[in-house]
Amino acid sequence: KIGILPNVEKDKDLAVTKRLIQYIRERGCTP
């Protein structure tokens, strides 16, 4: 279980957040 806590003002459109969600899933973990 990996918690992701973005600053939504700096991560525009949550682009980095979405990228890391996909990567964490690929590693067999749960975002």
PDB file of all heavy atoms in Angstrom:
ATOM      1  N   LYS A   1       0.838  -1.198   0.000  1.00  0.00           N
ATOM      2  CA  LYS A   1       0.000   0.000   0.000  1.00  0.00           C
ATOM      3  C   LYS A   1       0.880   1.257   0.000  1.00  0.00           C
ATOM      4  O   LYS A   1       1.646   1.473   0.930  1.00  0.00           O
ATOM      5  CB  LYS A   1      -0.924   0.010   1.220  1.00  0.00           C
ATOM      6  CG  LYS A   1      -1.919  -1.149   1.237  1.00  0.00           C
ATOM      7  CD  LYS A   1      -2.788  -1.082   2.483  1.00  0.00           C
ATOM      8  CE  LYS A   1      -3.790  -2.240   2.519  1.00  0.00           C
ATOM      9  NZ  LYS A   1      -4.638  -2.190   3.731  1.00  0.00           N
ATOM     10  N   ILE A   2       0.737   2.043  -1.056  1.00  0.00           N
ATOM     11  CA  ILE A   2       1.554   3.245  -1.210  1.00  0.00           C
ATOM     12  C   ILE A   2       0.622   4.450  -1.355  1.00  0.00           C
ATOM     13  O   ILE A   2      -0.145   4.543  -2.318  1.00  0.00           O
ATOM     14  CB  ILE A   2       2.480   3.147  -2.436  1.00  0.00           C
ATOM     15  CG1 ILE A   2       3.378   1.902  -2.311  1.00  0.00           C
ATOM     16  CG2 ILE A   2       3.319   4.412  -2.570  1.00  0.00           C
ATOM     17  CD1 ILE A   2       4.231   1.646  -3.535  1.00  0.00           C
ATOM     18  N   GLY A   3       0.669   5.353  -0.393  1.00  0.00           N
ATOM     19  CA  GLY A   3      -0.157   6.554  -0.440  1.00  0.00           C
ATOM     20  C   GLY A   3       0.482   7.614  -1.319  1.00  0.00           C
ATOM     21  O   GLY A   3       1.693   7.842  -1.243  1.00  0.00           O
ATOM     22  N   ILE A   4      -0.309   8.232  -2.170  1.00  0.00           N
ATOM     23  CA  ILE A   4       0.174   9.318  -3.037  1.00  0.00           C
ATOM     24  C   ILE A   4      -0.547  10.594  -2.638  1.00  0.00           C
ATOM     25  O   ILE A   4      -1.773  10.662  -2.664  1.00  0.00           O
ATOM     26  CB  ILE A   4      -0.087   9.021  -4.526  1.00  0.00           C
ATOM     27  CG1 ILE A   4       0.511   7.666  -4.925  1.00  0.00           C
ATOM     28  CG2 ILE A   4       0.497  10.132  -5.392  1.00  0.00           C
ATOM     29  CD1 ILE A   4       0.223   7.280  -6.366  1.00  0.00           C
ATOM     30  N   LEU A   5       0.233  11.621  -2.265  1.00  0.00           N
ATOM     31  CA  LEU A   5      -0.326  12.874  -1.762  1.00  0.00           C
ATOM     32  C   LEU A   5       0.223  14.032  -2.584  1.00  0.00           C
ATOM     33  O   LEU A   5       1.288  14.580  -2.293  1.00  0.00           O
ATOM     34  CB  LEU A   5       0.018  13.039  -0.286  1.00  0.00           C
ATOM     35  CG  LEU A   5      -0.641  11.975   0.616  1.00  0.00           C
ATOM     36  CD1 LEU A   5       0.156  11.760   1.880  1.00  0.00           C
ATOM     37  CD2 LEU A   5      -2.069  12.386   0.941  1.00  0.00           C
ATOM     38  N   PRO A   6      -0.488  14.402  -3.654  1.00  0.00           N
ATOM     39  CA  PRO A   6       0.013  15.459  -4.536  1.00  0.00           C
ATOM     40  C   PRO A   6      -0.398  16.857  -4.095  1.00  0.00           C
ATOM     41  O   PRO A   6      -1.449  17.053  -3.486  1.00  0.00           O
ATOM     42  CB  PRO A   6      -0.644  15.116  -5.877  1.00  0.00           C
ATOM     43  CG  PRO A   6      -1.965  14.516  -5.474  1.00  0.00           C
ATOM     44  CD  PRO A   6      -1.699  13.771  -4.184  1.00  0.00           C
ATOM     45  N   ASN A   7       0.438  17.814  -4.433  1.00  0.00           N
ATOM     46  CA  ASN A   7       0.054  19.215  -4.376  1.00  0.00           C
ATOM     47  C   ASN A   7      -0.663  19.497  -5.697  1.00  0.00           C
ATOM     48  O   ASN A   7      -0.018  19.571  -6.756  1.00  0.00           O
ATOM     49  CB  ASN A   7       1.292  20.099  -4.226  1.00  0.00           C
ATOM     50  CG  ASN A   7       0.962  21.576  -4.124  1.00  0.00           C
ATOM     51  OD1 ASN A   7       0.022  22.059  -4.740  1.00  0.00           O
ATOM     52  ND2 ASN A   7       1.742  22.293  -3.344  1.00  0.00           N
ATOM     53  N   VAL A   8      -1.966  19.633  -5.649  1.00  0.00           N
ATOM     54  CA  VAL A   8      -2.747  19.731  -6.882  1.00  0.00           C
ATOM     55  C   VAL A   8      -2.484  21.034  -7.638  1.00  0.00           C
ATOM     56  O   VAL A   8      -2.794  21.135  -8.826  1.00  0.00           O
ATOM     57  CB  VAL A   8      -4.259  19.571  -6.596  1.00  0.00           C
ATOM     58  CG1 VAL A   8      -4.559  18.178  -6.067  1.00  0.00           C
ATOM     59  CG2 VAL A   8      -4.750  20.632  -5.620  1.00  0.00           C
ATOM     60  N   GLU A   9      -1.904  22.021  -6.969  1.00  0.00           N
ATOM     61  CA  GLU A   9      -1.566  23.261  -7.662  1.00  0.00           C
ATOM     62  C   GLU A   9      -0.281  23.115  -8.463  1.00  0.00           C
ATOM     63  O   GLU A   9      -0.088  23.801  -9.472  1.00  0.00           O
ATOM     64  CB  GLU A   9      -1.437  24.407  -6.656  1.00  0.00           C
ATOM     65  CG  GLU A   9      -2.747  24.767  -5.955  1.00  0.00           C
ATOM     66  CD  GLU A   9      -2.583  25.905  -4.979  1.00  0.00           C
ATOM     67  OE1 GLU A   9      -1.450  26.420  -4.851  1.00  0.00           O
ATOM     68  OE2 GLU A   9      -3.577  26.294  -4.339  1.00  0.00           O
ATOM     69  N   LYS A  10       0.593  22.220  -8.024  1.00  0.00           N
ATOM     70  CA  LYS A  10       1.861  22.012  -8.730  1.00  0.00           C
ATOM     71  C   LYS A  10       1.779  20.864  -9.734  1.00  0.00           C
ATOM     72  O   LYS A  10       2.488  20.868 -10.747  1.00  0.00           O
ATOM     73  CB  LYS A  10       2.993  21.759  -7.728  1.00  0.00           C
ATOM     74  CG  LYS A  10       3.336  22.972  -6.885  1.00  0.00           C
ATOM     75  CD  LYS A  10       4.567  22.745  -6.040  1.00  0.00           C
ATOM     76  CE  LYS A  10       4.945  24.022  -5.292  1.00  0.00           C
ATOM     77  NZ  LYS A  10       6.170  23.853  -4.477  1.00  0.00           N
ATOM     78  N   ASP A  11       0.961  19.868  -9.435  1.00  0.00           N
ATOM     79  CA  ASP A  11       0.785  18.759 -10.368  1.00  0.00           C
ATOM     80  C   ASP A  11      -0.442  19.054 -11.233  1.00  0.00           C
ATOM     81  O   ASP A  11      -1.545  18.559 -10.978  1.00  0.00           O
ATOM     82  CB  ASP A  11       0.630  17.446  -9.601  1.00  0.00           C
ATOM     83  CG  ASP A  11       0.629  16.231 -10.519  1.00  0.00           C
ATOM     84  OD1 ASP A  11       0.967  16.384 -11.705  1.00  0.00           O
ATOM     85  OD2 ASP A  11       0.268  15.134 -10.052  1.00  0.00           O
ATOM     86  N   LYS A  12      -0.242  19.861 -12.247  1.00  0.00           N
ATOM     87  CA  LYS A  12      -1.343  20.293 -13.097  1.00  0.00           C
ATOM     88  C   LYS A  12      -2.004  19.088 -13.773  1.00  0.00           C
ATOM     89  O   LYS A  12      -1.317  18.228 -14.319  1.00  0.00           O
ATOM     90  CB  LYS A  12      -0.845  21.278 -14.168  1.00  0.00           C
ATOM     91  CG  LYS A  12      -0.210  22.542 -13.591  1.00  0.00           C
ATOM     92  CD  LYS A  12      -1.212  23.354 -12.756  1.00  0.00           C
ATOM     93  CE  LYS A  12      -0.590  24.649 -12.252  1.00  0.00           C
ATOM     94  NZ  LYS A  12      -1.531  25.425 -11.404  1.00  0.00           N
ATOM     95  N   ASP A  13      -3.329  19.040 -13.698  1.00  0.00           N
ATOM     96  CA  ASP A  13      -4.121  17.939 -14.272  1.00  0.00           C
ATOM     97  C   ASP A  13      -3.736  16.587 -13.684  1.00  0.00           C
ATOM     98  O   ASP A  13      -4.049  15.543 -14.266  1.00  0.00           O
ATOM     99  CB  ASP A  13      -3.982  17.898 -15.806  1.00  0.00           C
ATOM    100  CG  ASP A  13      -4.434  19.195 -16.465  1.00  0.00           C
ATOM    101  OD1 ASP A  13      -5.458  19.748 -16.011  1.00  0.00           O
ATOM    102  OD2 ASP A  13      -3.756  19.663 -17.389  1.00  0.00           O
ATOM    103  N   LEU A  14      -2.998  16.609 -12.558  1.00  0.00           N
ATOM    104  CA  LEU A  14      -2.562  15.383 -11.874  1.00  0.00           C
ATOM    105  C   LEU A  14      -1.773  14.464 -12.809  1.00  0.00           C
ATOM    106  O   LEU A  14      -1.848  13.237 -12.706  1.00  0.00           O
ATOM    107  CB  LEU A  14      -3.764  14.642 -11.283  1.00  0.00           C
ATOM    108  CG  LEU A  14      -4.519  15.399 -10.174  1.00  0.00           C
ATOM    109  CD1 LEU A  14      -5.718  14.593  -9.692  1.00  0.00           C
ATOM    110  CD2 LEU A  14      -3.604  15.708  -8.989  1.00  0.00           C
ATOM    111  N   ALA A  15      -0.994  15.070 -13.700  1.00  0.00           N
ATOM    112  CA  ALA A  15      -0.246  14.277 -14.682  1.00  0.00           C
ATOM    113  C   ALA A  15       0.775  13.354 -14.017  1.00  0.00           C
ATOM    114  O   ALA A  15       0.882  12.175 -14.376  1.00  0.00           O
ATOM    115  CB  ALA A  15       0.455  15.213 -15.670  1.00  0.00           C
ATOM    116  N   VAL A  16       1.527  13.871 -13.059  1.00  0.00           N
ATOM    117  CA  VAL A  16       2.532  13.041 -12.382  1.00  0.00           C
ATOM    118  C   VAL A  16       1.846  12.003 -11.502  1.00  0.00           C
ATOM    119  O   VAL A  16       2.268  10.839 -11.443  1.00  0.00           O
ATOM    120  CB  VAL A  16       3.486  13.913 -11.553  1.00  0.00           C
ATOM    121  CG1 VAL A  16       4.535  13.037 -10.861  1.00  0.00           C
ATOM    122  CG2 VAL A  16       4.162  14.962 -12.424  1.00  0.00           C
ATOM    123  N   THR A  17       0.781  12.400 -10.833  1.00  0.00           N
ATOM    124  CA  THR A  17       0.028  11.465  -9.988  1.00  0.00           C
ATOM    125  C   THR A  17      -0.470  10.281 -10.806  1.00  0.00           C
ATOM    126  O   THR A  17      -0.290   9.114 -10.400  1.00  0.00           O
ATOM    127  CB  THR A  17      -1.167  12.181  -9.333  1.00  0.00           C
ATOM    128  OG1 THR A  17      -0.683  13.248  -8.507  1.00  0.00           O
ATOM    129  CG2 THR A  17      -1.979  11.224  -8.484  1.00  0.00           C
ATOM    130  N   LYS A  18      -1.068  10.536 -11.957  1.00  0.00           N
ATOM    131  CA  LYS A  18      -1.587   9.456 -12.803  1.00  0.00           C
ATOM    132  C   LYS A  18      -0.465   8.551 -13.295  1.00  0.00           C
ATOM    133  O   LYS A  18      -0.618   7.329 -13.366  1.00  0.00           O
ATOM    134  CB  LYS A  18      -2.349  10.041 -13.994  1.00  0.00           C
ATOM    135  CG  LYS A  18      -3.627  10.776 -13.604  1.00  0.00           C
ATOM    136  CD  LYS A  18      -4.262  11.447 -14.818  1.00  0.00           C
ATOM    137  CE  LYS A  18      -5.481  12.263 -14.435  1.00  0.00           C
ATOM    138  NZ  LYS A  18      -6.068  12.969 -15.610  1.00  0.00           N
ATOM    139  N   ARG A  19       0.664   9.160 -13.624  1.00  0.00           N
ATOM    140  CA  ARG A  19       1.821   8.376 -14.088  1.00  0.00           C
ATOM    141  C   ARG A  19       2.299   7.426 -13.001  1.00  0.00           C
ATOM    142  O   ARG A  19       2.591   6.245 -13.258  1.00  0.00           O
ATOM    143  CB  ARG A  19       2.942   9.344 -14.470  1.00  0.00           C
ATOM    144  CG  ARG A  19       4.074   8.735 -15.259  1.00  0.00           C
ATOM    145  CD  ARG A  19       5.135   9.778 -15.514  1.00  0.00           C
ATOM    146  NE  ARG A  19       6.127   9.808 -14.453  1.00  0.00           N
ATOM    147  CZ  ARG A  19       6.879  10.861 -14.152  1.00  0.00           C
ATOM    148  NH1 ARG A  19       6.716  11.995 -14.810  1.00  0.00           N
ATOM    149  NH2 ARG A  19       7.780  10.795 -13.183  1.00  0.00           N
ATOM    150  N   LEU A  20       2.336   7.911 -11.763  1.00  0.00           N
ATOM    151  CA  LEU A  20       2.815   7.078 -10.669  1.00  0.00           C
ATOM    152  C   LEU A  20       1.786   6.020 -10.264  1.00  0.00           C
ATOM    153  O   LEU A  20       2.159   4.931  -9.819  1.00  0.00           O
ATOM    154  CB  LEU A  20       3.197   7.948  -9.469  1.00  0.00           C
ATOM    155  CG  LEU A  20       4.358   8.919  -9.705  1.00  0.00           C
ATOM    156  CD1 LEU A  20       4.765   9.584  -8.396  1.00  0.00           C
ATOM    157  CD2 LEU A  20       5.545   8.217 -10.329  1.00  0.00           C
ATOM    158  N   ILE A  21       0.506   6.341 -10.391  1.00  0.00           N
ATOM    159  CA  ILE A  21      -0.525   5.329 -10.137  1.00  0.00           C
ATOM    160  C   ILE A  21      -0.300   4.127 -11.051  1.00  0.00           C
ATOM    161  O   ILE A  21      -0.303   2.969 -10.606  1.00  0.00           O
ATOM    162  CB  ILE A  21      -1.937   5.916 -10.353  1.00  0.00           C
ATOM    163  CG1 ILE A  21      -2.275   6.920  -9.249  1.00  0.00           C
ATOM    164  CG2 ILE A  21      -2.986   4.793 -10.387  1.00  0.00           C
ATOM    165  CD1 ILE A  21      -3.567   7.686  -9.490  1.00  0.00           C
ATOM    166  N   GLN A  22      -0.096   4.395 -12.332  1.00  0.00           N
ATOM    167  CA  GLN A  22       0.125   3.321 -13.289  1.00  0.00           C
ATOM    168  C   GLN A  22       1.384   2.538 -12.958  1.00  0.00           C
ATOM    169  O   GLN A  22       1.401   1.300 -13.021  1.00  0.00           O
ATOM    170  CB  GLN A  22       0.228   3.894 -14.706  1.00  0.00           C
ATOM    171  CG  GLN A  22      -1.098   4.336 -15.295  1.00  0.00           C
ATOM    172  CD  GLN A  22      -2.040   3.147 -15.462  1.00  0.00           C
ATOM    173  OE1 GLN A  22      -3.050   3.043 -14.766  1.00  0.00           O
ATOM    174  NE2 GLN A  22      -1.703   2.240 -16.366  1.00  0.00           N
ATOM    175  N   TYR A  23       2.441   3.250 -12.588  1.00  0.00           N
ATOM    176  CA  TYR A  23       3.708   2.572 -12.301  1.00  0.00           C
ATOM    177  C   TYR A  23       3.598   1.704 -11.055  1.00  0.00           C
ATOM    178  O   TYR A  23       4.103   0.559 -11.037  1.00  0.00           O
ATOM    179  CB  TYR A  23       4.824   3.596 -12.115  1.00  0.00           C
ATOM    180  CG  TYR A  23       6.188   2.958 -12.079  1.00  0.00           C
ATOM    181  CD1 TYR A  23       6.783   2.487 -13.249  1.00  0.00           C
ATOM    182  CD2 TYR A  23       6.878   2.805 -10.886  1.00  0.00           C
ATOM    183  CE1 TYR A  23       8.027   1.877 -13.225  1.00  0.00           C
ATOM    184  CE2 TYR A  23       8.123   2.213 -10.847  1.00  0.00           C
ATOM    185  CZ  TYR A  23       8.695   1.738 -12.024  1.00  0.00           C
ATOM    186  OH  TYR A  23       9.924   1.127 -11.989  1.00  0.00           O
ATOM    187  N   ILE A  24       2.933   2.214 -10.038  1.00  0.00           N
ATOM    188  CA  ILE A  24       2.766   1.445  -8.800  1.00  0.00           C
ATOM    189  C   ILE A  24       1.942   0.182  -9.063  1.00  0.00           C
ATOM    190  O   ILE A  24       2.234  -0.888  -8.541  1.00  0.00           O
ATOM    191  CB  ILE A  24       2.120   2.338  -7.720  1.00  0.00           C
ATOM    192  CG1 ILE A  24       3.135   3.381  -7.238  1.00  0.00           C
ATOM    193  CG2 ILE A  24       1.596   1.517  -6.551  1.00  0.00           C
ATOM    194  CD1 ILE A  24       2.541   4.477  -6.384  1.00  0.00           C
ATOM    195  N   ARG A  25       0.934   0.308  -9.887  1.00  0.00           N
ATOM    196  CA  ARG A  25       0.131  -0.869 -10.258  1.00  0.00           C
ATOM    197  C   ARG A  25       0.988  -1.890 -10.987  1.00  0.00           C
ATOM    198  O   ARG A  25       0.884  -3.105 -10.739  1.00  0.00           O
ATOM    199  CB  ARG A  25      -1.046  -0.443 -11.138  1.00  0.00           C
ATOM    200  CG  ARG A  25      -2.106   0.367 -10.405  1.00  0.00           C
ATOM    201  CD  ARG A  25      -3.148   0.922 -11.340  1.00  0.00           C
ATOM    202  NE  ARG A  25      -3.836  -0.119 -12.105  1.00  0.00           N
ATOM    203  CZ  ARG A  25      -4.783   0.119 -12.983  1.00  0.00           C
ATOM    204  NH1 ARG A  25      -5.162   1.365 -13.241  1.00  0.00           N
ATOM    205  NH2 ARG A  25      -5.363  -0.865 -13.618  1.00  0.00           N
ATOM    206  N   GLU A  26       1.831  -1.441 -11.890  1.00  0.00           N
ATOM    207  CA  GLU A  26       2.703  -2.348 -12.638  1.00  0.00           C
ATOM    208  C   GLU A  26       3.676  -3.086 -11.723  1.00  0.00           C
ATOM    209  O   GLU A  26       4.077  -4.214 -12.034  1.00  0.00           O
ATOM    210  CB  GLU A  26       3.478  -1.558 -13.695  1.00  0.00           C
ATOM    211  CG  GLU A  26       2.618  -1.029 -14.832  1.00  0.00           C
ATOM    212  CD  GLU A  26       3.362  -0.051 -15.726  1.00  0.00           C
ATOM    213  OE1 GLU A  26       4.587   0.128 -15.501  1.00  0.00           O
ATOM    214  OE2 GLU A  26       2.734   0.537 -16.622  1.00  0.00           O
ATOM    215  N   ARG A  27       4.017  -2.467 -10.618  1.00  0.00           N
ATOM    216  CA  ARG A  27       4.929  -3.099  -9.652  1.00  0.00           C
ATOM    217  C   ARG A  27       4.197  -4.014  -8.687  1.00  0.00           C
ATOM    218  O   ARG A  27       4.796  -4.519  -7.737  1.00  0.00           O
ATOM    219  CB  ARG A  27       5.701  -2.022  -8.883  1.00  0.00           C
ATOM    220  CG  ARG A  27       6.669  -1.193  -9.709  1.00  0.00           C
ATOM    221  CD  ARG A  27       7.694  -2.042 -10.467  1.00  0.00           C
ATOM    222  NE  ARG A  27       8.316  -3.011  -9.606  1.00  0.00           N
ATOM    223  CZ  ARG A  27       9.401  -2.794  -8.883  1.00  0.00           C
ATOM    224  NH1 ARG A  27       9.994  -1.607  -8.944  1.00  0.00           N
ATOM    225  NH2 ARG A  27       9.912  -3.740  -8.127  1.00  0.00           N
ATOM    226  N   GLY A  28       2.919  -4.219  -8.903  1.00  0.00           N
ATOM    227  CA  GLY A  28       2.149  -5.130  -8.060  1.00  0.00           C
ATOM    228  C   GLY A  28       1.732  -4.555  -6.728  1.00  0.00           C
ATOM    229  O   GLY A  28       1.375  -5.305  -5.820  1.00  0.00           O
ATOM    230  N   CYS A  29       1.775  -3.229  -6.607  1.00  0.00           N
ATOM    231  CA  CYS A  29       1.379  -2.561  -5.367  1.00  0.00           C
ATOM    232  C   CYS A  29       0.057  -1.815  -5.585  1.00  0.00           C
ATOM    233  O   CYS A  29      -0.402  -1.649  -6.712  1.00  0.00           O
ATOM    234  CB  CYS A  29       2.460  -1.583  -4.924  1.00  0.00           C
ATOM    235  SG  CYS A  29       4.064  -2.362  -4.600  1.00  0.00           S
ATOM    236  N   THR A  30      -0.552  -1.380  -4.488  1.00  0.00           N
ATOM    237  CA  THR A  30      -1.831  -0.677  -4.548  1.00  0.00           C
ATOM    238  C   THR A  30      -1.649   0.781  -4.179  1.00  0.00           C
ATOM    239  O   THR A  30      -1.246   1.096  -3.058  1.00  0.00           O
ATOM    240  CB  THR A  30      -2.846  -1.320  -3.586  1.00  0.00           C
ATOM    241  OG1 THR A  30      -3.008  -2.700  -3.918  1.00  0.00           O
ATOM    242  CG2 THR A  30      -4.196  -0.614  -3.681  1.00  0.00           C
ATOM    243  N   PRO A  31      -1.932   1.690  -5.125  1.00  0.00           N
ATOM    244  CA  PRO A  31      -1.885   3.117  -4.775  1.00  0.00           C
ATOM    245  C   PRO A  31      -3.094   3.492  -3.925  1.00  0.00           C
ATOM    246  O   PRO A  31      -4.163   2.898  -4.058  1.00  0.00           O
ATOM    247  CB  PRO A  31      -1.932   3.810  -6.138  1.00  0.00           C
ATOM    248  CG  PRO A  31      -2.606   2.839  -7.039  1.00  0.00           C
ATOM    249  CD  PRO A  31      -2.288   1.469  -6.530  1.00  0.00           C
TER     250      PRO A  31
END
